[in-house]
N, C-alpha and C. Protein backbone atom coordinates (compact mmCIF):
# COMPACT_ATOMS: atom_id res chain seq x y z
N MET A 1 62.48 12.84 -137.30
CA MET A 1 62.57 11.44 -136.93
C MET A 1 62.85 10.63 -138.21
N ASN A 2 63.88 9.80 -138.17
CA ASN A 2 64.20 9.06 -139.38
C ASN A 2 63.26 7.87 -139.57
N LYS A 3 63.36 7.24 -140.72
CA LYS A 3 62.43 6.17 -141.07
C LYS A 3 62.60 4.94 -140.19
N LEU A 4 63.84 4.62 -139.83
CA LEU A 4 64.07 3.43 -139.00
C LEU A 4 63.45 3.61 -137.62
N ALA A 5 63.62 4.77 -137.02
CA ALA A 5 63.04 5.02 -135.71
C ALA A 5 61.52 4.98 -135.78
N LEU A 6 60.95 5.47 -136.85
CA LEU A 6 59.50 5.43 -137.03
C LEU A 6 59.01 3.99 -137.18
N ALA A 7 59.75 3.17 -137.93
CA ALA A 7 59.37 1.77 -138.11
C ALA A 7 59.45 1.01 -136.79
N VAL A 8 60.50 1.26 -136.01
CA VAL A 8 60.64 0.60 -134.71
C VAL A 8 59.51 1.01 -133.78
N ALA A 9 59.18 2.29 -133.78
CA ALA A 9 58.08 2.77 -132.95
C ALA A 9 56.76 2.12 -133.35
N ALA A 10 56.54 1.96 -134.65
CA ALA A 10 55.31 1.32 -135.12
C ALA A 10 55.24 -0.13 -134.68
N VAL A 11 56.36 -0.85 -134.75
CA VAL A 11 56.38 -2.25 -134.32
C VAL A 11 56.09 -2.35 -132.83
N VAL A 12 56.68 -1.47 -132.04
CA VAL A 12 56.46 -1.49 -130.59
C VAL A 12 55.00 -1.23 -130.27
N VAL A 13 54.39 -0.28 -130.95
CA VAL A 13 52.98 0.04 -130.70
C VAL A 13 52.09 -1.14 -131.07
N VAL A 14 52.35 -1.76 -132.20
CA VAL A 14 51.53 -2.91 -132.62
C VAL A 14 51.67 -4.05 -131.63
N LEU A 15 52.90 -4.34 -131.19
CA LEU A 15 53.10 -5.43 -130.24
C LEU A 15 52.47 -5.12 -128.88
N ALA A 16 52.57 -3.88 -128.45
CA ALA A 16 51.97 -3.50 -127.17
C ALA A 16 50.46 -3.59 -127.23
N TRP A 17 49.89 -3.30 -128.38
CA TRP A 17 48.45 -3.37 -128.55
C TRP A 17 47.97 -4.82 -128.70
N ALA A 18 48.76 -5.64 -129.37
CA ALA A 18 48.34 -7.02 -129.65
C ALA A 18 48.48 -7.93 -128.44
N ALA A 19 49.44 -7.68 -127.57
CA ALA A 19 49.70 -8.58 -126.45
C ALA A 19 48.51 -8.72 -125.51
N PRO A 20 47.89 -7.63 -125.03
CA PRO A 20 46.73 -7.82 -124.14
C PRO A 20 45.55 -8.47 -124.85
N ALA A 21 45.38 -8.17 -126.13
CA ALA A 21 44.24 -8.72 -126.86
C ALA A 21 44.39 -10.22 -127.07
N SER A 22 45.61 -10.68 -127.27
CA SER A 22 45.81 -12.09 -127.53
C SER A 22 46.13 -12.89 -126.27
N ALA A 23 46.29 -12.23 -125.14
CA ALA A 23 46.62 -12.94 -123.91
C ALA A 23 45.48 -13.83 -123.44
N ALA A 24 44.26 -13.47 -123.77
CA ALA A 24 43.11 -14.23 -123.32
C ALA A 24 43.06 -15.62 -123.96
N ASP A 25 43.46 -15.73 -125.22
CA ASP A 25 43.37 -17.04 -125.88
C ASP A 25 44.72 -17.73 -126.02
N GLY A 26 45.80 -17.17 -125.50
CA GLY A 26 47.09 -17.84 -125.48
C GLY A 26 47.89 -17.75 -126.75
N THR A 27 47.56 -16.86 -127.67
CA THR A 27 48.33 -16.75 -128.91
C THR A 27 49.42 -15.70 -128.85
N ASN A 28 49.62 -15.07 -127.69
CA ASN A 28 50.63 -14.02 -127.61
C ASN A 28 52.05 -14.56 -127.82
N ILE A 29 52.29 -15.83 -127.52
CA ILE A 29 53.62 -16.41 -127.74
C ILE A 29 53.90 -16.50 -129.23
N LEU A 30 52.91 -16.90 -130.01
CA LEU A 30 53.09 -16.99 -131.46
C LEU A 30 53.33 -15.62 -132.07
N VAL A 31 52.64 -14.61 -131.59
CA VAL A 31 52.84 -13.26 -132.10
C VAL A 31 54.25 -12.78 -131.78
N GLY A 32 54.73 -13.06 -130.60
CA GLY A 32 56.07 -12.65 -130.21
C GLY A 32 57.15 -13.33 -131.03
N GLY A 33 56.98 -14.62 -131.30
CA GLY A 33 57.95 -15.35 -132.11
C GLY A 33 57.99 -14.84 -133.54
N ALA A 34 56.82 -14.58 -134.11
CA ALA A 34 56.76 -14.06 -135.47
C ALA A 34 57.32 -12.66 -135.56
N ALA A 35 57.02 -11.82 -134.58
CA ALA A 35 57.55 -10.46 -134.58
C ALA A 35 59.07 -10.47 -134.40
N GLY A 36 59.55 -11.34 -133.53
CA GLY A 36 61.00 -11.46 -133.34
C GLY A 36 61.70 -11.90 -134.61
N ALA A 37 61.12 -12.87 -135.31
CA ALA A 37 61.71 -13.34 -136.56
C ALA A 37 61.72 -12.23 -137.60
N GLY A 38 60.67 -11.45 -137.66
CA GLY A 38 60.62 -10.34 -138.61
C GLY A 38 61.67 -9.28 -138.32
N ILE A 39 61.85 -8.98 -137.05
CA ILE A 39 62.85 -7.98 -136.67
C ILE A 39 64.26 -8.49 -136.98
N VAL A 40 64.48 -9.78 -136.75
CA VAL A 40 65.79 -10.36 -137.06
C VAL A 40 66.09 -10.26 -138.55
N ILE A 41 65.11 -10.59 -139.38
CA ILE A 41 65.31 -10.54 -140.83
C ILE A 41 65.54 -9.10 -141.29
N LEU A 42 64.80 -8.15 -140.74
CA LEU A 42 65.02 -6.75 -141.10
C LEU A 42 66.44 -6.30 -140.73
N GLY A 43 66.89 -6.66 -139.54
CA GLY A 43 68.23 -6.27 -139.12
C GLY A 43 69.31 -6.87 -140.00
N ALA A 44 69.14 -8.15 -140.36
CA ALA A 44 70.12 -8.79 -141.24
C ALA A 44 70.11 -8.16 -142.62
N GLY A 45 68.94 -7.84 -143.12
CA GLY A 45 68.85 -7.19 -144.43
C GLY A 45 69.54 -5.83 -144.45
N PHE A 46 69.31 -5.05 -143.41
CA PHE A 46 69.98 -3.75 -143.32
C PHE A 46 71.49 -3.91 -143.21
N GLY A 47 71.94 -4.88 -142.41
CA GLY A 47 73.37 -5.08 -142.21
C GLY A 47 74.07 -5.53 -143.48
N ILE A 48 73.51 -6.52 -144.16
CA ILE A 48 74.13 -7.01 -145.39
C ILE A 48 74.05 -5.96 -146.49
N GLY A 49 72.98 -5.20 -146.53
CA GLY A 49 72.87 -4.10 -147.51
C GLY A 49 73.93 -3.04 -147.29
N LYS A 50 74.18 -2.71 -146.03
CA LYS A 50 75.22 -1.72 -145.71
C LYS A 50 76.60 -2.24 -146.08
N ILE A 51 76.85 -3.52 -145.80
CA ILE A 51 78.14 -4.11 -146.19
C ILE A 51 78.32 -4.06 -147.70
N GLY A 52 77.29 -4.46 -148.43
CA GLY A 52 77.38 -4.47 -149.89
C GLY A 52 77.60 -3.09 -150.47
N SER A 53 76.86 -2.10 -149.98
CA SER A 53 77.01 -0.75 -150.53
C SER A 53 78.39 -0.17 -150.22
N SER A 54 78.87 -0.41 -149.00
CA SER A 54 80.20 0.08 -148.64
C SER A 54 81.30 -0.61 -149.43
N ALA A 55 81.13 -1.91 -149.67
CA ALA A 55 82.14 -2.66 -150.43
C ALA A 55 82.19 -2.19 -151.88
N VAL A 56 81.04 -2.01 -152.49
CA VAL A 56 81.02 -1.56 -153.89
C VAL A 56 81.62 -0.16 -154.01
N GLU A 57 81.29 0.71 -153.05
CA GLU A 57 81.84 2.06 -153.09
C GLU A 57 83.37 2.04 -152.93
N SER A 58 83.87 1.20 -152.02
CA SER A 58 85.31 1.17 -151.84
C SER A 58 86.02 0.47 -153.00
N MET A 59 85.36 -0.48 -153.66
CA MET A 59 85.94 -1.09 -154.86
C MET A 59 86.01 -0.09 -156.00
N ALA A 60 85.03 0.80 -156.07
CA ALA A 60 85.04 1.81 -157.12
C ALA A 60 86.16 2.83 -156.88
N ARG A 61 86.45 3.10 -155.61
CA ARG A 61 87.51 4.07 -155.30
C ARG A 61 88.91 3.47 -155.47
N GLN A 62 89.06 2.20 -155.12
CA GLN A 62 90.37 1.53 -155.22
C GLN A 62 90.20 0.17 -155.88
N PRO A 63 90.14 0.13 -157.20
CA PRO A 63 89.92 -1.14 -157.89
C PRO A 63 91.04 -2.17 -157.69
N GLU A 64 92.22 -1.71 -157.33
CA GLU A 64 93.35 -2.64 -157.19
C GLU A 64 93.21 -3.55 -155.96
N VAL A 65 92.40 -3.19 -154.99
CA VAL A 65 92.20 -4.03 -153.80
C VAL A 65 90.80 -4.65 -153.77
N ALA A 66 90.17 -4.74 -154.93
CA ALA A 66 88.80 -5.25 -154.99
C ALA A 66 88.69 -6.69 -154.49
N GLY A 67 89.70 -7.51 -154.75
CA GLY A 67 89.66 -8.90 -154.29
C GLY A 67 89.65 -9.01 -152.78
N ASN A 68 90.49 -8.21 -152.13
CA ASN A 68 90.52 -8.22 -150.66
C ASN A 68 89.21 -7.71 -150.07
N ILE A 69 88.67 -6.67 -150.68
CA ILE A 69 87.41 -6.11 -150.19
C ILE A 69 86.28 -7.11 -150.36
N GLN A 70 86.26 -7.80 -151.50
CA GLN A 70 85.21 -8.78 -151.75
C GLN A 70 85.30 -9.94 -150.77
N THR A 71 86.51 -10.38 -150.46
CA THR A 71 86.69 -11.47 -149.49
C THR A 71 86.18 -11.05 -148.11
N GLY A 72 86.54 -9.86 -147.69
CA GLY A 72 86.07 -9.36 -146.40
C GLY A 72 84.56 -9.20 -146.36
N MET A 73 83.98 -8.76 -147.48
CA MET A 73 82.53 -8.58 -147.56
C MET A 73 81.83 -9.93 -147.44
N ILE A 74 82.33 -10.94 -148.12
CA ILE A 74 81.69 -12.26 -148.07
C ILE A 74 81.79 -12.86 -146.68
N ILE A 75 82.94 -12.71 -146.03
CA ILE A 75 83.10 -13.23 -144.66
C ILE A 75 82.15 -12.51 -143.71
N SER A 76 82.05 -11.20 -143.82
CA SER A 76 81.14 -10.43 -142.95
C SER A 76 79.69 -10.81 -143.18
N ALA A 77 79.30 -10.96 -144.44
CA ALA A 77 77.92 -11.34 -144.74
C ALA A 77 77.62 -12.74 -144.22
N ALA A 78 78.57 -13.65 -144.31
CA ALA A 78 78.36 -15.00 -143.80
C ALA A 78 78.20 -15.00 -142.28
N LEU A 79 78.98 -14.17 -141.59
CA LEU A 79 78.83 -14.08 -140.14
C LEU A 79 77.46 -13.52 -139.75
N ILE A 80 77.01 -12.52 -140.48
CA ILE A 80 75.69 -11.95 -140.20
C ILE A 80 74.61 -12.99 -140.45
N GLU A 81 74.72 -13.75 -141.54
CA GLU A 81 73.72 -14.77 -141.83
C GLU A 81 73.73 -15.87 -140.78
N GLY A 82 74.90 -16.21 -140.24
CA GLY A 82 74.97 -17.22 -139.19
C GLY A 82 74.26 -16.78 -137.92
N VAL A 83 74.49 -15.56 -137.52
CA VAL A 83 73.82 -15.02 -136.34
C VAL A 83 72.32 -14.91 -136.59
N THR A 84 71.94 -14.54 -137.80
CA THR A 84 70.53 -14.43 -138.15
C THR A 84 69.84 -15.79 -138.07
N LEU A 85 70.49 -16.82 -138.58
CA LEU A 85 69.92 -18.16 -138.52
C LEU A 85 69.74 -18.60 -137.08
N PHE A 86 70.74 -18.35 -136.24
CA PHE A 86 70.62 -18.70 -134.83
C PHE A 86 69.45 -17.96 -134.18
N ALA A 87 69.32 -16.67 -134.45
CA ALA A 87 68.23 -15.89 -133.86
C ALA A 87 66.87 -16.37 -134.36
N LEU A 88 66.78 -16.74 -135.64
CA LEU A 88 65.51 -17.26 -136.16
C LEU A 88 65.14 -18.58 -135.49
N ILE A 89 66.11 -19.44 -135.26
CA ILE A 89 65.83 -20.70 -134.59
C ILE A 89 65.34 -20.44 -133.17
N VAL A 90 65.96 -19.50 -132.49
CA VAL A 90 65.49 -19.15 -131.14
C VAL A 90 64.07 -18.63 -131.18
N CYS A 91 63.75 -17.78 -132.16
CA CYS A 91 62.38 -17.25 -132.28
C CYS A 91 61.39 -18.36 -132.57
N ILE A 92 61.77 -19.30 -133.42
CA ILE A 92 60.85 -20.40 -133.76
C ILE A 92 60.63 -21.30 -132.56
N ILE A 93 61.71 -21.62 -131.85
CA ILE A 93 61.58 -22.51 -130.68
C ILE A 93 60.73 -21.86 -129.61
N HIS A 94 60.99 -20.60 -129.29
CA HIS A 94 60.23 -19.95 -128.24
C HIS A 94 58.84 -19.54 -128.71
N GLY A 95 58.66 -19.35 -130.00
CA GLY A 95 57.34 -19.01 -130.52
C GLY A 95 56.41 -20.20 -130.57
N GLY A 96 56.96 -21.41 -130.64
CA GLY A 96 56.13 -22.60 -130.73
C GLY A 96 55.75 -23.20 -129.39
N MET A 97 56.25 -22.64 -128.29
CA MET A 97 55.96 -23.20 -126.97
C MET A 97 54.56 -22.87 -126.53
C-alpha cells in the first residue's frame, strides 16, 4: 500500500470517528470544513509539486525549449491555484454554517 493511500485511509478513519462524537454538540460542520480545506491544500501541493518536478526534468533534457516549458508550467500552476482557492472558499462557507 503506498503512502498516499495510507494517508487517505487515515483521514477517512479520523473523520468517521469524529463525526458521531461531535454530532451531539453541533461541531461536526466545522470539522468537515477544516478537513475539506486540508485535503484541498494537500491535493494542490501534490499537483504543483508534480508539475514543477516534471518541468525541471524536461528542461534538463531539452534546454532549448525551457522558456516554453516554463510558460506552460506557470499557466498550469495558476490554474491549480485558482481551483484550490475556489474549493477553499467553498469549504470555509460550508464549514461556517
